[in-house]
């Protein structure tokens, strides 16, 4: 019997390295997948529609919102982001762990609906490092970077609402910390009971 997959929420201020860590995690952890969010923001260079995000217009997003298609949604820096409710449930029914890369507002909505959600917050060691990473990405102009830095303090203040806290100072160490959370959760007895029911029954016979 395949146990239903778990739901993981991973949040971080912009520039903390969340996306890079999650991409590496997916390569290392079997049967884990990342939800591809819907967004109204413009596509950046090198991004692919349906791979990095589902890029939609404001009208399309509002229709999906009205139809109840989103598990959660939020407005960030003037753009809307949302997670497909149907896709998440389909993946979990297949036994896959689903990762949502969302902000603290979306995380709060998801935890309210699914109390078993595992939540992880990723932080840099300093604001200076955060700003340096934003500048090195070459994705945003100075005004946007300044806006992200101004909002970072408010975002970071919600770290204590999460189950786990990872400091992304050395990438490999942060990745190992992230992988350990997933591996440990998969050893939870209720999940093991579902996946190894035959073995357990033989041991008890």
C-alpha atoms as a PDB file:
ATOM      1  CA  UNK A   1       0.000   0.000   0.000  1.00  0.00           C
ATOM      2  CA  UNK A   2       1.332   3.420  -0.953  1.00  0.00           C
ATOM      3  CA  UNK A   3       1.111   6.007   1.806  1.00  0.00           C
ATOM      4  CA  UNK A   4      -0.300   9.371   0.860  1.00  0.00           C
ATOM      5  CA  UNK A   5       2.451  11.882   0.205  1.00  0.00           C
ATOM      6  CA  UNK A   6       3.203  14.649   2.675  1.00  0.00           C
ATOM      7  CA  UNK A   7       2.945  18.377   2.174  1.00  0.00           C
ATOM      8  CA  UNK A   8       5.978  20.576   2.791  1.00  0.00           C
ATOM      9  CA  UNK A   9       6.036  24.371   2.814  1.00  0.00           C
ATOM     10  CA  UNK A  10       9.370  26.104   2.284  1.00  0.00           C
ATOM     11  CA  UNK A  11       9.642  29.873   2.687  1.00  0.00           C
ATOM     12  CA  UNK A  12      12.442  32.427   2.710  1.00  0.00           C
ATOM     13  CA  UNK A  13      13.080  36.093   2.034  1.00  0.00           C
ATOM     14  CA  UNK A  14      14.105  36.836  -1.569  1.00  0.00           C
ATOM     15  CA  UNK A  15      17.772  36.045  -2.081  1.00  0.00           C
ATOM     16  CA  UNK A  16      18.128  33.469   0.695  1.00  0.00           C
ATOM     17  CA  UNK A  17      18.792  30.664  -1.820  1.00  0.00           C
ATOM     18  CA  UNK A  18      15.521  28.784  -1.383  1.00  0.00           C
ATOM     19  CA  UNK A  19      14.984  27.921  -5.055  1.00  0.00           C
ATOM     20  CA  UNK A  20      18.540  26.630  -5.560  1.00  0.00           C
ATOM     21  CA  UNK A  21      18.284  24.468  -2.446  1.00  0.00           C
ATOM     22  CA  UNK A  22      14.923  23.025  -3.478  1.00  0.00           C
ATOM     23  CA  UNK A  23      16.192  22.142  -6.972  1.00  0.00           C
ATOM     24  CA  UNK A  24      19.101  20.242  -5.446  1.00  0.00           C
ATOM     25  CA  UNK A  25      16.770  18.561  -2.948  1.00  0.00           C
ATOM     26  CA  UNK A  26      14.495  17.256  -5.715  1.00  0.00           C
ATOM     27  CA  UNK A  27      17.460  15.578  -7.393  1.00  0.00           C
ATOM     28  CA  UNK A  28      18.413  13.852  -4.150  1.00  0.00           C
ATOM     29  CA  UNK A  29      15.047  12.814  -2.720  1.00  0.00           C
ATOM     30  CA  UNK A  30      12.993  10.249  -4.685  1.00  0.00           C
ATOM     31  CA  UNK A  31       9.277  10.891  -5.163  1.00  0.00           C
ATOM     32  CA  UNK A  32       9.447  14.535  -4.076  1.00  0.00           C
ATOM     33  CA  UNK A  33       8.151  17.223  -6.390  1.00  0.00           C
ATOM     34  CA  UNK A  34       7.691  20.981  -6.421  1.00  0.00           C
ATOM     35  CA  UNK A  35       4.358  22.583  -7.137  1.00  0.00           C
ATOM     36  CA  UNK A  36       4.544  24.909 -10.140  1.00  0.00           C
ATOM     37  CA  UNK A  37       2.715  28.053  -9.080  1.00  0.00           C
ATOM     38  CA  UNK A  38       0.506  30.226 -11.234  1.00  0.00           C
ATOM     39  CA  UNK A  39       1.617  33.841 -11.419  1.00  0.00           C
ATOM     40  CA  UNK A  40       0.706  37.103 -13.097  1.00  0.00           C
ATOM     41  CA  UNK A  41       4.253  38.457 -13.102  1.00  0.00           C
ATOM     42  CA  UNK A  42       6.261  38.745 -16.313  1.00  0.00           C
ATOM     43  CA  UNK A  43       8.437  35.844 -17.399  1.00  0.00           C
ATOM     44  CA  UNK A  44      12.147  36.375 -16.732  1.00  0.00           C
ATOM     45  CA  UNK A  45      14.945  35.379 -19.128  1.00  0.00           C
ATOM     46  CA  UNK A  46      15.656  31.621 -19.052  1.00  0.00           C
ATOM     47  CA  UNK A  47      12.285  30.853 -17.413  1.00  0.00           C
ATOM     48  CA  UNK A  48       9.913  28.411 -19.104  1.00  0.00           C
ATOM     49  CA  UNK A  49       6.149  28.480 -18.940  1.00  0.00           C
ATOM     50  CA  UNK A  50       4.806  25.398 -17.183  1.00  0.00           C
ATOM     51  CA  UNK A  51       8.241  24.535 -15.789  1.00  0.00           C
ATOM     52  CA  UNK A  52       9.219  27.474 -13.588  1.00  0.00           C
ATOM     53  CA  UNK A  53       5.717  28.975 -13.332  1.00  0.00           C
ATOM     54  CA  UNK A  54       2.395  28.908 -15.103  1.00  0.00           C
ATOM     55  CA  UNK A  55       2.299  32.467 -16.429  1.00  0.00           C
ATOM     56  CA  UNK A  56      -1.244  33.824 -16.721  1.00  0.00           C
ATOM     57  CA  UNK A  57      -2.921  37.194 -17.100  1.00  0.00           C
ATOM     58  CA  UNK A  58      -4.609  38.993 -14.227  1.00  0.00           C
ATOM     59  CA  UNK A  59      -8.021  38.125 -15.700  1.00  0.00           C
ATOM     60  CA  UNK A  60      -7.119  34.439 -15.984  1.00  0.00           C
ATOM     61  CA  UNK A  61      -5.875  34.399 -12.410  1.00  0.00           C
ATOM     62  CA  UNK A  62      -9.017  36.101 -11.103  1.00  0.00           C
ATOM     63  CA  UNK A  63     -11.201  33.538 -12.895  1.00  0.00           C
ATOM     64  CA  UNK A  64      -9.253  30.649 -11.357  1.00  0.00           C
ATOM     65  CA  UNK A  65      -9.544  32.304  -7.964  1.00  0.00           C
ATOM     66  CA  UNK A  66     -13.299  32.725  -8.402  1.00  0.00           C
ATOM     67  CA  UNK A  67     -13.610  29.056  -9.444  1.00  0.00           C
ATOM     68  CA  UNK A  68     -11.820  27.940  -6.260  1.00  0.00           C
ATOM     69  CA  UNK A  69      -8.859  26.413  -8.100  1.00  0.00           C
ATOM     70  CA  UNK A  70      -6.218  27.543  -5.625  1.00  0.00           C
ATOM     71  CA  UNK A  71      -5.078  25.862  -2.434  1.00  0.00           C
ATOM     72  CA  UNK A  72      -3.547  29.212  -1.476  1.00  0.00           C
ATOM     73  CA  UNK A  73      -2.765  32.495  -3.156  1.00  0.00           C
ATOM     74  CA  UNK A  74      -0.984  35.700  -2.282  1.00  0.00           C
ATOM     75  CA  UNK A  75       0.001  39.061  -3.702  1.00  0.00           C
ATOM     76  CA  UNK A  76       3.751  39.704  -3.673  1.00  0.00           C
ATOM     77  CA  UNK A  77       5.377  42.868  -5.042  1.00  0.00           C
ATOM     78  CA  UNK A  78       2.265  43.704  -7.019  1.00  0.00           C
ATOM     79  CA  UNK A  79       1.864  40.275  -8.629  1.00  0.00           C
ATOM     80  CA  UNK A  80      -0.361  37.336  -7.750  1.00  0.00           C
ATOM     81  CA  UNK A  81       0.799  33.788  -7.065  1.00  0.00           C
ATOM     82  CA  UNK A  82      -1.344  30.699  -6.518  1.00  0.00           C
ATOM     83  CA  UNK A  83      -1.047  26.939  -5.948  1.00  0.00           C
ATOM     84  CA  UNK A  84      -3.249  24.473  -7.835  1.00  0.00           C
ATOM     85  CA  UNK A  85      -5.422  22.532  -5.392  1.00  0.00           C
ATOM     86  CA  UNK A  86      -6.139  19.658  -7.797  1.00  0.00           C
ATOM     87  CA  UNK A  87      -2.503  19.100  -8.817  1.00  0.00           C
ATOM     88  CA  UNK A  88      -1.278  18.974  -5.209  1.00  0.00           C
ATOM     89  CA  UNK A  89      -3.894  16.400  -4.244  1.00  0.00           C
ATOM     90  CA  UNK A  90      -3.172  14.249  -7.321  1.00  0.00           C
ATOM     91  CA  UNK A  91       0.543  14.120  -6.505  1.00  0.00           C
ATOM     92  CA  UNK A  92      -0.088  13.267  -2.852  1.00  0.00           C
ATOM     93  CA  UNK A  93      -2.486  10.465  -3.806  1.00  0.00           C
ATOM     94  CA  UNK A  94       0.349   8.990  -5.881  1.00  0.00           C
ATOM     95  CA  UNK A  95       2.502   8.900  -2.749  1.00  0.00           C
ATOM     96  CA  UNK A  96       4.690  11.843  -3.734  1.00  0.00           C
ATOM     97  CA  UNK A  97       5.798  14.478  -1.249  1.00  0.00           C
ATOM     98  CA  UNK A  98       4.795  17.902  -2.520  1.00  0.00           C
ATOM     99  CA  UNK A  99       6.848  21.024  -1.856  1.00  0.00           C
ATOM    100  CA  UNK A 100       5.251  24.452  -1.931  1.00  0.00           C
ATOM    101  CA  UNK A 101       7.666  27.367  -2.329  1.00  0.00           C
ATOM    102  CA  UNK A 102       5.456  30.109  -0.946  1.00  0.00           C
ATOM    103  CA  UNK A 103       5.634  33.097   1.396  1.00  0.00           C
ATOM    104  CA  UNK A 104       4.495  33.206   5.010  1.00  0.00           C
ATOM    105  CA  UNK A 105       0.980  34.331   4.057  1.00  0.00           C
ATOM    106  CA  UNK A 106       0.413  31.336   1.812  1.00  0.00           C
ATOM    107  CA  UNK A 107       2.067  29.044   4.340  1.00  0.00           C
ATOM    108  CA  UNK A 108      -0.384  30.187   6.991  1.00  0.00           C
ATOM    109  CA  UNK A 109      -3.341  29.360   4.730  1.00  0.00           C
ATOM    110  CA  UNK A 110      -1.971  25.907   3.919  1.00  0.00           C
ATOM    111  CA  UNK A 111      -1.259  25.037   7.562  1.00  0.00           C
ATOM    112  CA  UNK A 112      -4.789  26.087   8.451  1.00  0.00           C
ATOM    113  CA  UNK A 113      -6.189  23.599   5.913  1.00  0.00           C
ATOM    114  CA  UNK A 114      -3.661  20.813   6.531  1.00  0.00           C
ATOM    115  CA  UNK A 115      -2.415  20.751  10.116  1.00  0.00           C
ATOM    116  CA  UNK A 116       0.024  17.951   9.258  1.00  0.00           C
ATOM    117  CA  UNK A 117       1.961  20.227   6.898  1.00  0.00           C
ATOM    118  CA  UNK A 118       5.702  20.349   7.571  1.00  0.00           C
ATOM    119  CA  UNK A 119       7.033  23.902   7.309  1.00  0.00           C
ATOM    120  CA  UNK A 120      10.619  25.040   6.795  1.00  0.00           C
ATOM    121  CA  UNK A 121      12.077  28.552   6.817  1.00  0.00           C
ATOM    122  CA  UNK A 122      15.424  29.353   5.176  1.00  0.00           C
ATOM    123  CA  UNK A 123      17.533  32.323   6.238  1.00  0.00           C
ATOM    124  CA  UNK A 124      20.867  33.935   5.328  1.00  0.00           C
ATOM    125  CA  UNK A 125      23.324  34.867   8.080  1.00  0.00           C
ATOM    126  CA  UNK A 126      22.998  38.618   7.513  1.00  0.00           C
ATOM    127  CA  UNK A 127      21.101  41.304   5.624  1.00  0.00           C
ATOM    128  CA  UNK A 128      24.330  42.187   3.818  1.00  0.00           C
ATOM    129  CA  UNK A 129      24.558  38.668   2.397  1.00  0.00           C
ATOM    130  CA  UNK A 130      20.911  38.842   1.370  1.00  0.00           C
ATOM    131  CA  UNK A 131      21.427  42.095  -0.530  1.00  0.00           C
ATOM    132  CA  UNK A 132      24.593  40.798  -2.180  1.00  0.00           C
ATOM    133  CA  UNK A 133      22.777  37.697  -3.451  1.00  0.00           C
ATOM    134  CA  UNK A 134      19.926  39.799  -4.837  1.00  0.00           C
ATOM    135  CA  UNK A 135      22.393  41.972  -6.712  1.00  0.00           C
ATOM    136  CA  UNK A 136      24.311  38.996  -8.121  1.00  0.00           C
ATOM    137  CA  UNK A 137      21.122  37.480  -9.564  1.00  0.00           C
ATOM    138  CA  UNK A 138      20.858  40.369 -12.058  1.00  0.00           C
ATOM    139  CA  UNK A 139      17.101  39.799 -12.205  1.00  0.00           C
ATOM    140  CA  UNK A 140      15.824  43.024 -10.631  1.00  0.00           C
ATOM    141  CA  UNK A 141      16.652  46.698 -10.907  1.00  0.00           C
ATOM    142  CA  UNK A 142      17.861  48.773  -7.960  1.00  0.00           C
ATOM    143  CA  UNK A 143      14.352  49.922  -7.008  1.00  0.00           C
ATOM    144  CA  UNK A 144      13.026  46.362  -6.833  1.00  0.00           C
ATOM    145  CA  UNK A 145      16.040  45.165  -4.836  1.00  0.00           C
ATOM    146  CA  UNK A 146      15.551  47.998  -2.346  1.00  0.00           C
ATOM    147  CA  UNK A 147      11.869  47.092  -2.052  1.00  0.00           C
ATOM    148  CA  UNK A 148      12.731  43.457  -1.410  1.00  0.00           C
ATOM    149  CA  UNK A 149      15.217  44.460   1.278  1.00  0.00           C
ATOM    150  CA  UNK A 150      12.646  46.696   2.958  1.00  0.00           C
ATOM    151  CA  UNK A 151      10.125  43.860   3.089  1.00  0.00           C
ATOM    152  CA  UNK A 152      12.677  41.239   4.150  1.00  0.00           C
ATOM    153  CA  UNK A 153      12.518  42.243   7.815  1.00  0.00           C
ATOM    154  CA  UNK A 154       8.751  41.705   7.952  1.00  0.00           C
ATOM    155  CA  UNK A 155       9.071  38.377   6.128  1.00  0.00           C
ATOM    156  CA  UNK A 156      11.843  37.164   8.420  1.00  0.00           C
ATOM    157  CA  UNK A 157       9.824  38.084  11.509  1.00  0.00           C
ATOM    158  CA  UNK A 158       7.513  35.130  10.766  1.00  0.00           C
ATOM    159  CA  UNK A 159      10.301  32.529  11.062  1.00  0.00           C
ATOM    160  CA  UNK A 160       8.951  31.286  14.417  1.00  0.00           C
ATOM    161  CA  UNK A 161       5.686  30.167  12.782  1.00  0.00           C
ATOM    162  CA  UNK A 162       7.576  27.337  11.065  1.00  0.00           C
ATOM    163  CA  UNK A 163       8.581  23.872  12.279  1.00  0.00           C
ATOM    164  CA  UNK A 164      12.188  24.019  11.083  1.00  0.00           C
ATOM    165  CA  UNK A 165      14.770  26.753  10.573  1.00  0.00           C
ATOM    166  CA  UNK A 166      17.761  26.397   8.235  1.00  0.00           C
ATOM    167  CA  UNK A 167      20.558  28.938   7.824  1.00  0.00           C
ATOM    168  CA  UNK A 168      21.909  28.894   4.278  1.00  0.00           C
ATOM    169  CA  UNK A 169      25.513  29.894   4.938  1.00  0.00           C
ATOM    170  CA  UNK A 170      27.330  26.960   3.361  1.00  0.00           C
ATOM    171  CA  UNK A 171      25.178  25.486   0.606  1.00  0.00           C
ATOM    172  CA  UNK A 172      26.132  21.823   1.054  1.00  0.00           C
ATOM    173  CA  UNK A 173      25.461  21.922   4.794  1.00  0.00           C
ATOM    174  CA  UNK A 174      22.109  23.654   4.282  1.00  0.00           C
ATOM    175  CA  UNK A 175      21.183  21.049   1.664  1.00  0.00           C
ATOM    176  CA  UNK A 176      22.045  18.188   4.008  1.00  0.00           C
ATOM    177  CA  UNK A 177      19.923  19.811   6.717  1.00  0.00           C
ATOM    178  CA  UNK A 178      17.025  20.074   4.278  1.00  0.00           C
ATOM    179  CA  UNK A 179      17.374  16.470   3.121  1.00  0.00           C
ATOM    180  CA  UNK A 180      17.487  15.239   6.724  1.00  0.00           C
ATOM    181  CA  UNK A 181      14.086  16.806   7.426  1.00  0.00           C
ATOM    182  CA  UNK A 182      12.513  14.939   4.509  1.00  0.00           C
ATOM    183  CA  UNK A 183      14.205  11.641   5.332  1.00  0.00           C
ATOM    184  CA  UNK A 184      13.247  11.841   9.001  1.00  0.00           C
ATOM    185  CA  UNK A 185       9.620  12.615   8.211  1.00  0.00           C
ATOM    186  CA  UNK A 186       9.429   9.574   5.944  1.00  0.00           C
ATOM    187  CA  UNK A 187      10.387   7.413   8.929  1.00  0.00           C
ATOM    188  CA  UNK A 188       7.346   8.557  10.913  1.00  0.00           C
ATOM    189  CA  UNK A 189       5.676   5.402  12.158  1.00  0.00           C
ATOM    190  CA  UNK A 190       2.239   6.005  10.621  1.00  0.00           C
ATOM    191  CA  UNK A 191       3.800   6.387   7.171  1.00  0.00           C
ATOM    192  CA  UNK A 192       6.059   3.369   7.641  1.00  0.00           C
ATOM    193  CA  UNK A 193       3.063   1.365   8.824  1.00  0.00           C
ATOM    194  CA  UNK A 194       1.234   2.134   5.584  1.00  0.00           C
ATOM    195  CA  UNK A 195       4.160   1.406   3.263  1.00  0.00           C
ATOM    196  CA  UNK A 196       5.524  -1.655   5.107  1.00  0.00           C
ATOM    197  CA  UNK A 197       2.320  -3.170   6.418  1.00  0.00           C
ATOM    198  CA  UNK A 198       3.152  -6.643   5.040  1.00  0.00           C
ATOM    199  CA  UNK A 199       6.576  -6.694   6.697  1.00  0.00           C
ATOM    200  CA  UNK A 200       5.161  -5.555  10.029  1.00  0.00           C
ATOM    201  CA  UNK A 201       2.383  -8.187   9.920  1.00  0.00           C
ATOM    202  CA  UNK A 202       4.960 -10.943   9.320  1.00  0.00           C
ATOM    203  CA  UNK A 203       7.101  -9.689  12.187  1.00  0.00           C
ATOM    204  CA  UNK A 204       4.092  -9.844  14.491  1.00  0.00           C
ATOM    205  CA  UNK A 205       2.841 -13.220  13.325  1.00  0.00           C
END
